[in-house]
C-alpha atoms as a PDB file:
ATOM      1  CA  UNK A   1     -12.939 -28.807 -18.508  1.00  0.00           C
ATOM      2  CA  UNK A   2     -10.045 -29.540 -16.157  1.00  0.00           C
ATOM      3  CA  UNK A   3      -7.669 -27.337 -18.158  1.00  0.00           C
ATOM      4  CA  UNK A   4     -10.220 -24.538 -18.080  1.00  0.00           C
ATOM      5  CA  UNK A   5     -10.563 -24.699 -14.298  1.00  0.00           C
ATOM      6  CA  UNK A   6      -6.811 -24.777 -13.729  1.00  0.00           C
ATOM      7  CA  UNK A   7      -6.278 -21.883 -16.103  1.00  0.00           C
ATOM      8  CA  UNK A   8      -8.913 -19.792 -14.373  1.00  0.00           C
ATOM      9  CA  UNK A   9      -7.403 -20.399 -10.949  1.00  0.00           C
ATOM     10  CA  UNK A  10      -3.942 -19.470 -12.158  1.00  0.00           C
ATOM     11  CA  UNK A  11      -5.269 -16.284 -13.715  1.00  0.00           C
ATOM     12  CA  UNK A  12      -7.234 -15.401 -10.593  1.00  0.00           C
ATOM     13  CA  UNK A  13      -3.969 -14.763  -8.806  1.00  0.00           C
ATOM     14  CA  UNK A  14      -2.776 -15.952  -5.433  1.00  0.00           C
ATOM     15  CA  UNK A  15      -3.409 -14.531  -1.995  1.00  0.00           C
ATOM     16  CA  UNK A  16      -0.689 -13.660   0.450  1.00  0.00           C
ATOM     17  CA  UNK A  17      -1.855 -13.913   4.036  1.00  0.00           C
ATOM     18  CA  UNK A  18       1.025 -12.323   5.915  1.00  0.00           C
ATOM     19  CA  UNK A  19       1.074  -8.616   5.206  1.00  0.00           C
ATOM     20  CA  UNK A  20       2.075  -6.358   8.114  1.00  0.00           C
ATOM     21  CA  UNK A  21       3.663  -9.290   9.924  1.00  0.00           C
ATOM     22  CA  UNK A  22       3.191  -9.257  13.719  1.00  0.00           C
ATOM     23  CA  UNK A  23       0.665  -6.405  13.579  1.00  0.00           C
ATOM     24  CA  UNK A  24      -2.489  -7.452  15.411  1.00  0.00           C
ATOM     25  CA  UNK A  25      -5.777  -6.097  14.089  1.00  0.00           C
ATOM     26  CA  UNK A  26      -7.151  -3.791  16.797  1.00  0.00           C
ATOM     27  CA  UNK A  27     -10.621  -4.246  18.245  1.00  0.00           C
ATOM     28  CA  UNK A  28     -10.809  -8.021  17.761  1.00  0.00           C
ATOM     29  CA  UNK A  29     -11.579 -10.036  20.926  1.00  0.00           C
ATOM     30  CA  UNK A  30      -8.939 -12.623  21.738  1.00  0.00           C
ATOM     31  CA  UNK A  31      -8.570 -15.758  23.778  1.00  0.00           C
ATOM     32  CA  UNK A  32      -5.945 -16.436  26.403  1.00  0.00           C
ATOM     33  CA  UNK A  33      -3.569 -17.635  23.680  1.00  0.00           C
ATOM     34  CA  UNK A  34      -3.794 -14.278  21.916  1.00  0.00           C
ATOM     35  CA  UNK A  35      -5.588 -15.693  18.901  1.00  0.00           C
ATOM     36  CA  UNK A  36      -8.653 -13.933  17.499  1.00  0.00           C
ATOM     37  CA  UNK A  37     -11.885 -15.194  19.052  1.00  0.00           C
ATOM     38  CA  UNK A  38     -13.659 -15.777  15.753  1.00  0.00           C
ATOM     39  CA  UNK A  39     -16.863 -17.071  17.348  1.00  0.00           C
ATOM     40  CA  UNK A  40     -17.310 -14.007  19.576  1.00  0.00           C
ATOM     41  CA  UNK A  41     -20.319 -11.742  18.919  1.00  0.00           C
ATOM     42  CA  UNK A  42     -20.080  -9.574  15.798  1.00  0.00           C
ATOM     43  CA  UNK A  43     -18.803  -6.046  16.423  1.00  0.00           C
ATOM     44  CA  UNK A  44     -21.208  -3.136  16.174  1.00  0.00           C
ATOM     45  CA  UNK A  45     -20.838   0.240  14.510  1.00  0.00           C
ATOM     46  CA  UNK A  46     -21.828   3.463  16.275  1.00  0.00           C
ATOM     47  CA  UNK A  47     -25.210   3.176  14.535  1.00  0.00           C
ATOM     48  CA  UNK A  48     -25.858  -0.094  16.347  1.00  0.00           C
ATOM     49  CA  UNK A  49     -25.703  -2.091  13.118  1.00  0.00           C
ATOM     50  CA  UNK A  50     -23.123  -4.851  12.648  1.00  0.00           C
ATOM     51  CA  UNK A  51     -19.741  -3.576  11.530  1.00  0.00           C
ATOM     52  CA  UNK A  52     -18.729  -5.553   8.434  1.00  0.00           C
ATOM     53  CA  UNK A  53     -15.239  -4.054   8.329  1.00  0.00           C
ATOM     54  CA  UNK A  54     -12.299  -6.400   7.925  1.00  0.00           C
ATOM     55  CA  UNK A  55     -10.353  -8.500   5.428  1.00  0.00           C
ATOM     56  CA  UNK A  56     -12.445 -11.381   4.102  1.00  0.00           C
ATOM     57  CA  UNK A  57     -12.156 -14.349   1.780  1.00  0.00           C
ATOM     58  CA  UNK A  58     -14.734 -16.870   0.574  1.00  0.00           C
ATOM     59  CA  UNK A  59     -14.863 -20.130   2.521  1.00  0.00           C
ATOM     60  CA  UNK A  60     -13.394 -22.953   0.420  1.00  0.00           C
ATOM     61  CA  UNK A  61     -15.372 -25.910  -0.786  1.00  0.00           C
ATOM     62  CA  UNK A  62     -15.000 -29.192   1.046  1.00  0.00           C
ATOM     63  CA  UNK A  63     -12.451 -31.672  -0.227  1.00  0.00           C
ATOM     64  CA  UNK A  64     -15.326 -33.797  -1.532  1.00  0.00           C
ATOM     65  CA  UNK A  65     -16.693 -30.858  -3.513  1.00  0.00           C
ATOM     66  CA  UNK A  66     -13.262 -29.855  -4.771  1.00  0.00           C
ATOM     67  CA  UNK A  67     -12.662 -33.374  -6.031  1.00  0.00           C
ATOM     68  CA  UNK A  68     -15.359 -32.745  -8.626  1.00  0.00           C
ATOM     69  CA  UNK A  69     -13.134 -30.098 -10.201  1.00  0.00           C
ATOM     70  CA  UNK A  70      -9.555 -30.788  -9.079  1.00  0.00           C
ATOM     71  CA  UNK A  71      -7.464 -33.943  -8.700  1.00  0.00           C
ATOM     72  CA  UNK A  72      -7.288 -35.119  -5.073  1.00  0.00           C
ATOM     73  CA  UNK A  73      -9.269 -32.079  -3.980  1.00  0.00           C
ATOM     74  CA  UNK A  74      -6.260 -29.747  -4.125  1.00  0.00           C
ATOM     75  CA  UNK A  75      -5.366 -27.148  -6.721  1.00  0.00           C
ATOM     76  CA  UNK A  76      -1.574 -27.409  -6.100  1.00  0.00           C
ATOM     77  CA  UNK A  77      -1.168 -23.858  -7.411  1.00  0.00           C
ATOM     78  CA  UNK A  78      -0.471 -21.938  -4.208  1.00  0.00           C
ATOM     79  CA  UNK A  79      -3.874 -20.279  -3.807  1.00  0.00           C
ATOM     80  CA  UNK A  80      -6.399 -21.022  -1.118  1.00  0.00           C
ATOM     81  CA  UNK A  81      -8.988 -23.613  -2.177  1.00  0.00           C
ATOM     82  CA  UNK A  82     -11.933 -21.894  -3.892  1.00  0.00           C
ATOM     83  CA  UNK A  83     -15.653 -22.044  -3.259  1.00  0.00           C
ATOM     84  CA  UNK A  84     -17.518 -24.460  -5.507  1.00  0.00           C
ATOM     85  CA  UNK A  85     -19.465 -21.471  -6.837  1.00  0.00           C
ATOM     86  CA  UNK A  86     -16.226 -19.894  -8.011  1.00  0.00           C
ATOM     87  CA  UNK A  87     -15.895 -22.862 -10.340  1.00  0.00           C
ATOM     88  CA  UNK A  88     -19.552 -22.963 -11.338  1.00  0.00           C
ATOM     89  CA  UNK A  89     -22.251 -20.675 -10.011  1.00  0.00           C
ATOM     90  CA  UNK A  90     -24.889 -23.107 -11.298  1.00  0.00           C
ATOM     91  CA  UNK A  91     -23.341 -26.133  -9.593  1.00  0.00           C
ATOM     92  CA  UNK A  92     -26.500 -26.706  -7.535  1.00  0.00           C
ATOM     93  CA  UNK A  93     -28.376 -27.526 -10.748  1.00  0.00           C
ATOM     94  CA  UNK A  94     -28.148 -30.672 -12.813  1.00  0.00           C
ATOM     95  CA  UNK A  95     -26.590 -29.689 -16.159  1.00  0.00           C
ATOM     96  CA  UNK A  96     -29.815 -30.372 -18.039  1.00  0.00           C
ATOM     97  CA  UNK A  97     -31.791 -28.249 -15.549  1.00  0.00           C
ATOM     98  CA  UNK A  98     -29.546 -25.163 -15.530  1.00  0.00           C
ATOM     99  CA  UNK A  99     -31.820 -22.144 -16.143  1.00  0.00           C
ATOM    100  CA  UNK A 100     -29.952 -20.800 -19.173  1.00  0.00           C
ATOM    101  CA  UNK A 101     -31.589 -19.434 -22.283  1.00  0.00           C
ATOM    102  CA  UNK A 102     -30.617 -21.138 -25.532  1.00  0.00           C
ATOM    103  CA  UNK A 103     -28.298 -18.275 -26.477  1.00  0.00           C
ATOM    104  CA  UNK A 104     -26.642 -18.305 -23.057  1.00  0.00           C
ATOM    105  CA  UNK A 105     -26.104 -22.053 -23.224  1.00  0.00           C
ATOM    106  CA  UNK A 106     -24.482 -21.699 -26.647  1.00  0.00           C
ATOM    107  CA  UNK A 107     -22.130 -18.940 -25.467  1.00  0.00           C
ATOM    108  CA  UNK A 108     -21.248 -20.887 -22.334  1.00  0.00           C
ATOM    109  CA  UNK A 109     -20.485 -23.957 -24.432  1.00  0.00           C
ATOM    110  CA  UNK A 110     -18.188 -21.933 -26.664  1.00  0.00           C
ATOM    111  CA  UNK A 111     -16.289 -20.606 -23.663  1.00  0.00           C
ATOM    112  CA  UNK A 112     -15.813 -24.094 -22.258  1.00  0.00           C
ATOM    113  CA  UNK A 113     -14.609 -25.292 -25.657  1.00  0.00           C
ATOM    114  CA  UNK A 114     -12.151 -22.370 -25.696  1.00  0.00           C
ATOM    115  CA  UNK A 115     -10.782 -23.549 -22.331  1.00  0.00           C
ATOM    116  CA  UNK A 116     -11.174 -20.136 -20.729  1.00  0.00           C
ATOM    117  CA  UNK A 117      -8.751 -18.276 -22.991  1.00  0.00           C
ATOM    118  CA  UNK A 118     -11.130 -15.320 -23.232  1.00  0.00           C
ATOM    119  CA  UNK A 119     -11.787 -15.002 -19.501  1.00  0.00           C
ATOM    120  CA  UNK A 120     -11.550 -11.302 -18.585  1.00  0.00           C
ATOM    121  CA  UNK A 121      -9.374 -11.944 -15.533  1.00  0.00           C
ATOM    122  CA  UNK A 122      -6.946 -13.985 -17.662  1.00  0.00           C
ATOM    123  CA  UNK A 123      -6.265 -10.720 -19.500  1.00  0.00           C
ATOM    124  CA  UNK A 124      -5.915  -8.528 -16.426  1.00  0.00           C
ATOM    125  CA  UNK A 125      -9.489  -7.226 -16.602  1.00  0.00           C
ATOM    126  CA  UNK A 126     -11.685  -7.053 -13.484  1.00  0.00           C
ATOM    127  CA  UNK A 127     -13.496 -10.066 -12.115  1.00  0.00           C
ATOM    128  CA  UNK A 128     -16.692  -8.100 -11.682  1.00  0.00           C
ATOM    129  CA  UNK A 129     -19.690  -8.990  -9.552  1.00  0.00           C
ATOM    130  CA  UNK A 130     -20.576 -11.564  -8.255  1.00  0.00           C
ATOM    131  CA  UNK A 131     -17.337 -13.395  -9.150  1.00  0.00           C
ATOM    132  CA  UNK A 132     -15.288 -11.150  -6.856  1.00  0.00           C
ATOM    133  CA  UNK A 133     -17.396 -12.357  -3.908  1.00  0.00           C
ATOM    134  CA  UNK A 134     -16.536 -15.971  -4.740  1.00  0.00           C
ATOM    135  CA  UNK A 135     -12.847 -15.791  -5.629  1.00  0.00           C
ATOM    136  CA  UNK A 136     -10.115 -17.311  -3.417  1.00  0.00           C
ATOM    137  CA  UNK A 137      -8.544 -13.875  -3.029  1.00  0.00           C
ATOM    138  CA  UNK A 138      -8.997 -11.494  -0.075  1.00  0.00           C
ATOM    139  CA  UNK A 139     -10.982  -8.289  -0.164  1.00  0.00           C
ATOM    140  CA  UNK A 140     -11.337  -5.576   2.446  1.00  0.00           C
ATOM    141  CA  UNK A 141     -14.509  -3.898   3.701  1.00  0.00           C
ATOM    142  CA  UNK A 142     -14.381  -0.384   5.140  1.00  0.00           C
ATOM    143  CA  UNK A 143     -17.761   0.633   6.574  1.00  0.00           C
ATOM    144  CA  UNK A 144     -18.858   4.213   7.172  1.00  0.00           C
ATOM    145  CA  UNK A 145     -22.238   5.773   7.894  1.00  0.00           C
ATOM    146  CA  UNK A 146     -22.972   6.603   4.244  1.00  0.00           C
ATOM    147  CA  UNK A 147     -20.935   4.176   2.158  1.00  0.00           C
ATOM    148  CA  UNK A 148     -19.461   0.682   2.414  1.00  0.00           C
ATOM    149  CA  UNK A 149     -16.231   0.438   0.469  1.00  0.00           C
ATOM    150  CA  UNK A 150     -14.861  -2.861  -0.839  1.00  0.00           C
ATOM    151  CA  UNK A 151     -11.224  -3.097  -1.930  1.00  0.00           C
ATOM    152  CA  UNK A 152     -10.315  -6.165  -3.981  1.00  0.00           C
ATOM    153  CA  UNK A 153      -6.740  -7.410  -3.917  1.00  0.00           C
ATOM    154  CA  UNK A 154      -7.105  -9.507  -7.071  1.00  0.00           C
ATOM    155  CA  UNK A 155      -7.166  -6.680  -9.599  1.00  0.00           C
ATOM    156  CA  UNK A 156      -6.850  -3.600  -7.424  1.00  0.00           C
ATOM    157  CA  UNK A 157     -10.478  -2.695  -8.110  1.00  0.00           C
ATOM    158  CA  UNK A 158     -12.839  -1.030  -5.677  1.00  0.00           C
ATOM    159  CA  UNK A 159     -16.553  -0.978  -5.160  1.00  0.00           C
ATOM    160  CA  UNK A 160     -18.781   1.609  -3.477  1.00  0.00           C
ATOM    161  CA  UNK A 161     -22.059   0.566  -1.834  1.00  0.00           C
ATOM    162  CA  UNK A 162     -23.977   3.746  -1.061  1.00  0.00           C
ATOM    163  CA  UNK A 163     -26.122   3.568   2.081  1.00  0.00           C
ATOM    164  CA  UNK A 164     -27.213   7.219   2.071  1.00  0.00           C
ATOM    165  CA  UNK A 165     -30.684   6.557   0.667  1.00  0.00           C
ATOM    166  CA  UNK A 166     -29.977   7.225  -3.009  1.00  0.00           C
ATOM    167  CA  UNK A 167     -31.712   5.148  -5.669  1.00  0.00           C
ATOM    168  CA  UNK A 168     -30.118   3.126  -8.413  1.00  0.00           C
ATOM    169  CA  UNK A 169     -29.852   5.023 -11.720  1.00  0.00           C
ATOM    170  CA  UNK A 170     -33.023   4.698 -13.772  1.00  0.00           C
ATOM    171  CA  UNK A 171     -31.018   3.960 -16.909  1.00  0.00           C
ATOM    172  CA  UNK A 172     -27.523   2.589 -17.521  1.00  0.00           C
ATOM    173  CA  UNK A 173     -25.459   5.723 -18.204  1.00  0.00           C
ATOM    174  CA  UNK A 174     -22.027   4.143 -18.016  1.00  0.00           C
ATOM    175  CA  UNK A 175     -22.044   0.319 -17.913  1.00  0.00           C
ATOM    176  CA  UNK A 176     -19.243  -1.054 -15.759  1.00  0.00           C
ATOM    177  CA  UNK A 177     -17.732  -4.267 -14.410  1.00  0.00           C
ATOM    178  CA  UNK A 178     -19.038  -3.741 -10.875  1.00  0.00           C
ATOM    179  CA  UNK A 179     -22.162  -1.720 -11.663  1.00  0.00           C
ATOM    180  CA  UNK A 180     -23.840   0.766  -9.338  1.00  0.00           C
ATOM    181  CA  UNK A 181     -24.636  -0.395  -5.799  1.00  0.00           C
ATOM    182  CA  UNK A 182     -26.981   0.846  -3.101  1.00  0.00           C
ATOM    183  CA  UNK A 183     -27.449  -0.702   0.318  1.00  0.00           C
ATOM    184  CA  UNK A 184     -30.030  -0.694   3.068  1.00  0.00           C
ATOM    185  CA  UNK A 185     -30.264  -2.415   6.419  1.00  0.00           C
ATOM    186  CA  UNK A 186     -32.936  -4.969   7.135  1.00  0.00           C
ATOM    187  CA  UNK A 187     -32.364  -5.697  10.800  1.00  0.00           C
ATOM    188  CA  UNK A 188     -28.762  -6.871  11.051  1.00  0.00           C
ATOM    189  CA  UNK A 189     -28.491  -7.717   7.340  1.00  0.00           C
ATOM    190  CA  UNK A 190     -27.057  -5.331   4.756  1.00  0.00           C
ATOM    191  CA  UNK A 191     -29.065  -5.757   1.556  1.00  0.00           C
ATOM    192  CA  UNK A 192     -27.218  -4.569  -1.554  1.00  0.00           C
ATOM    193  CA  UNK A 193     -28.826  -4.019  -4.960  1.00  0.00           C
ATOM    194  CA  UNK A 194     -26.508  -3.659  -7.937  1.00  0.00           C
ATOM    195  CA  UNK A 195     -27.297  -2.865 -11.582  1.00  0.00           C
ATOM    196  CA  UNK A 196     -25.684  -0.972 -14.452  1.00  0.00           C
ATOM    197  CA  UNK A 197     -23.286  -3.696 -15.526  1.00  0.00           C
ATOM    198  CA  UNK A 198     -21.597  -4.121 -18.854  1.00  0.00           C
ATOM    199  CA  UNK A 199     -22.008  -7.514 -20.513  1.00  0.00           C
ATOM    200  CA  UNK A 200     -18.321  -8.471 -20.513  1.00  0.00           C
ATOM    201  CA  UNK A 201     -18.053 -10.133 -17.108  1.00  0.00           C
ATOM    202  CA  UNK A 202     -18.190 -13.832 -16.272  1.00  0.00           C
ATOM    203  CA  UNK A 203     -20.303 -15.035 -13.366  1.00  0.00           C
ATOM    204  CA  UNK A 204     -17.753 -17.745 -12.549  1.00  0.00           C
ATOM    205  CA  UNK A 205     -14.521 -19.332 -13.718  1.00  0.00           C
ATOM    206  CA  UNK A 206     -16.459 -21.740 -15.917  1.00  0.00           C
ATOM    207  CA  UNK A 207     -17.654 -18.845 -18.084  1.00  0.00           C
ATOM    208  CA  UNK A 208     -21.376 -18.407 -17.442  1.00  0.00           C
ATOM    209  CA  UNK A 209     -22.211 -15.068 -19.067  1.00  0.00           C
ATOM    210  CA  UNK A 210     -24.528 -12.241 -18.117  1.00  0.00           C
ATOM    211  CA  UNK A 211     -26.131  -9.360 -19.977  1.00  0.00           C
ATOM    212  CA  UNK A 212     -26.139  -5.646 -19.195  1.00  0.00           C
ATOM    213  CA  UNK A 213     -29.651  -6.141 -17.797  1.00  0.00           C
ATOM    214  CA  UNK A 214     -28.387  -8.200 -14.849  1.00  0.00           C
ATOM    215  CA  UNK A 215     -29.528  -7.215 -11.373  1.00  0.00           C
ATOM    216  CA  UNK A 216     -27.650  -8.692  -8.407  1.00  0.00           C
ATOM    217  CA  UNK A 217     -28.959  -8.701  -4.850  1.00  0.00           C
ATOM    218  CA  UNK A 218     -26.540  -9.533  -2.049  1.00  0.00           C
ATOM    219  CA  UNK A 219     -27.428 -10.003   1.607  1.00  0.00           C
ATOM    220  CA  UNK A 220     -24.498  -9.648   4.026  1.00  0.00           C
ATOM    221  CA  UNK A 221     -24.979 -10.918   7.585  1.00  0.00           C
ATOM    222  CA  UNK A 222     -22.035 -11.013   9.984  1.00  0.00           C
ATOM    223  CA  UNK A 223     -23.066 -13.729  12.382  1.00  0.00           C
ATOM    224  CA  UNK A 224     -19.970 -13.405  14.588  1.00  0.00           C
ATOM    225  CA  UNK A 225     -16.453 -12.000  14.514  1.00  0.00           C
ATOM    226  CA  UNK A 226     -15.063 -14.488  12.044  1.00  0.00           C
ATOM    227  CA  UNK A 227     -17.954 -15.409   9.744  1.00  0.00           C
ATOM    228  CA  UNK A 228     -20.130 -13.416   7.351  1.00  0.00           C
ATOM    229  CA  UNK A 229     -22.966 -15.142   5.534  1.00  0.00           C
ATOM    230  CA  UNK A 230     -23.600 -13.856   2.011  1.00  0.00           C
ATOM    231  CA  UNK A 231     -26.624 -14.696  -0.101  1.00  0.00           C
ATOM    232  CA  UNK A 232     -26.300 -13.759  -3.783  1.00  0.00           C
ATOM    233  CA  UNK A 233     -29.264 -13.642  -6.175  1.00  0.00           C
ATOM    234  CA  UNK A 234     -28.735 -13.141  -9.907  1.00  0.00           C
ATOM    235  CA  UNK A 235     -31.716 -11.887 -11.899  1.00  0.00           C
ATOM    236  CA  UNK A 236     -30.931 -11.563 -15.596  1.00  0.00           C
ATOM    237  CA  UNK A 237     -33.988 -12.297 -17.773  1.00  0.00           C
ATOM    238  CA  UNK A 238     -31.993 -11.826 -20.971  1.00  0.00           C
ATOM    239  CA  UNK A 239     -29.613 -14.652 -20.040  1.00  0.00           C
ATOM    240  CA  UNK A 240     -31.444 -16.930 -17.598  1.00  0.00           C
ATOM    241  CA  UNK A 241     -34.970 -18.276 -17.501  1.00  0.00           C
ATOM    242  CA  UNK A 242     -35.367 -17.521 -13.797  1.00  0.00           C
ATOM    243  CA  UNK A 243     -33.412 -15.879 -10.966  1.00  0.00           C
ATOM    244  CA  UNK A 244     -31.112 -18.133  -8.957  1.00  0.00           C
ATOM    245  CA  UNK A 245     -29.477 -17.820  -5.547  1.00  0.00           C
ATOM    246  CA  UNK A 246     -26.309 -19.148  -3.939  1.00  0.00           C
ATOM    247  CA  UNK A 247     -25.174 -18.868  -0.334  1.00  0.00           C
ATOM    248  CA  UNK A 248     -21.563 -18.637   0.788  1.00  0.00           C
ATOM    249  CA  UNK A 249     -19.659 -17.788   3.940  1.00  0.00           C
ATOM    250  CA  UNK A 250     -16.871 -15.239   3.972  1.00  0.00           C
ATOM    251  CA  UNK A 251     -14.121 -15.915   6.534  1.00  0.00           C
ATOM    252  CA  UNK A 252     -12.351 -13.121   8.400  1.00  0.00           C
ATOM    253  CA  UNK A 253      -8.591 -12.932   7.891  1.00  0.00           C
ATOM    254  CA  UNK A 254      -7.372 -11.263  11.096  1.00  0.00           C
ATOM    255  CA  UNK A 255      -3.930  -9.766  11.676  1.00  0.00           C
ATOM    256  CA  UNK A 256      -3.195  -9.277   7.995  1.00  0.00           C
ATOM    257  CA  UNK A 257      -4.012  -6.840   5.210  1.00  0.00           C
ATOM    258  CA  UNK A 258      -4.167  -6.558   1.441  1.00  0.00           C
ATOM    259  CA  UNK A 259      -1.079  -6.385  -0.696  1.00  0.00           C
ATOM    260  CA  UNK A 260      -0.636  -4.461  -3.939  1.00  0.00           C
ATOM    261  CA  UNK A 261      -1.397  -6.704  -6.896  1.00  0.00           C
ATOM    262  CA  UNK A 262      -0.612  -5.424 -10.387  1.00  0.00           C
ATOM    263  CA  UNK A 263      -1.718  -7.999 -12.936  1.00  0.00           C
ATOM    264  CA  UNK A 264       0.179  -6.528 -15.877  1.00  0.00           C
ATOM    265  CA  UNK A 265       3.494  -6.368 -14.049  1.00  0.00           C
ATOM    266  CA  UNK A 266       5.774  -9.018 -15.563  1.00  0.00           C
ATOM    267  CA  UNK A 267       2.768 -10.509 -17.351  1.00  0.00           C
ATOM    268  CA  UNK A 268       3.843 -13.329 -19.687  1.00  0.00           C
ATOM    269  CA  UNK A 269       0.725 -15.463 -20.075  1.00  0.00           C
ATOM    270  CA  UNK A 270      -1.598 -13.730 -22.549  1.00  0.00           C
ATOM    271  CA  UNK A 271       0.592 -14.480 -25.558  1.00  0.00           C
ATOM    272  CA  UNK A 272      -0.045 -18.179 -24.926  1.00  0.00           C
ATOM    273  CA  UNK A 273      -3.853 -17.724 -24.925  1.00  0.00           C
ATOM    274  CA  UNK A 274      -4.283 -16.468 -28.458  1.00  0.00           C
END
């Protein structure tokens, strides 16, 4: 299991937190020392709703939690420490109580035995949803009146969350890694429903699978400048015996930006995974 986790972190790529050096993100309140005031009230869009725009990354697990997966609680690979749900989205369950169907449990076991060699992101394929929310790699939100755009540094993928009132497609015309997403505001929380996935993605680095019937609901709440609470519910009756929910916090990365990341450039790893 340790080799699987280390492999998945390596393949997830590393984040670089110093793009546009010395360029301060405009509009962020600052203290007398010039540093971003991350506990200041969340900014508002012209609509009056919270503005989720910014560069974000999932809050890492505590050292105690990381020690369950990594020696000494550090990955020693150059990336930021990951969320525990990046390792295992079912980590809140005892192994014998994980709500997997028999077929899902068998597939998951095969992936663990294969030590992650078939992970999509180890072969320069997208992380998909919800893994991209959990990864120790930054992503950028650009919020407009009719769409919220998410740009992911890890694989250069993008995601559109339509907030113009449209409905999710009734069928699954073109299954994809990130699916089709619609959003609506419930008070200060952006509620996002996503469906239309293919069945090739992994929920986490451990290899929990999902089917093309998966429905993901995310609730984004920016509680202040520097922190955004995200609740993720996975409902996939073909793969899991009941829906399950995890909660994470995304941390703002001020005064930086995304960098181009091309997985296939100088790629030398896949030949060792066969």
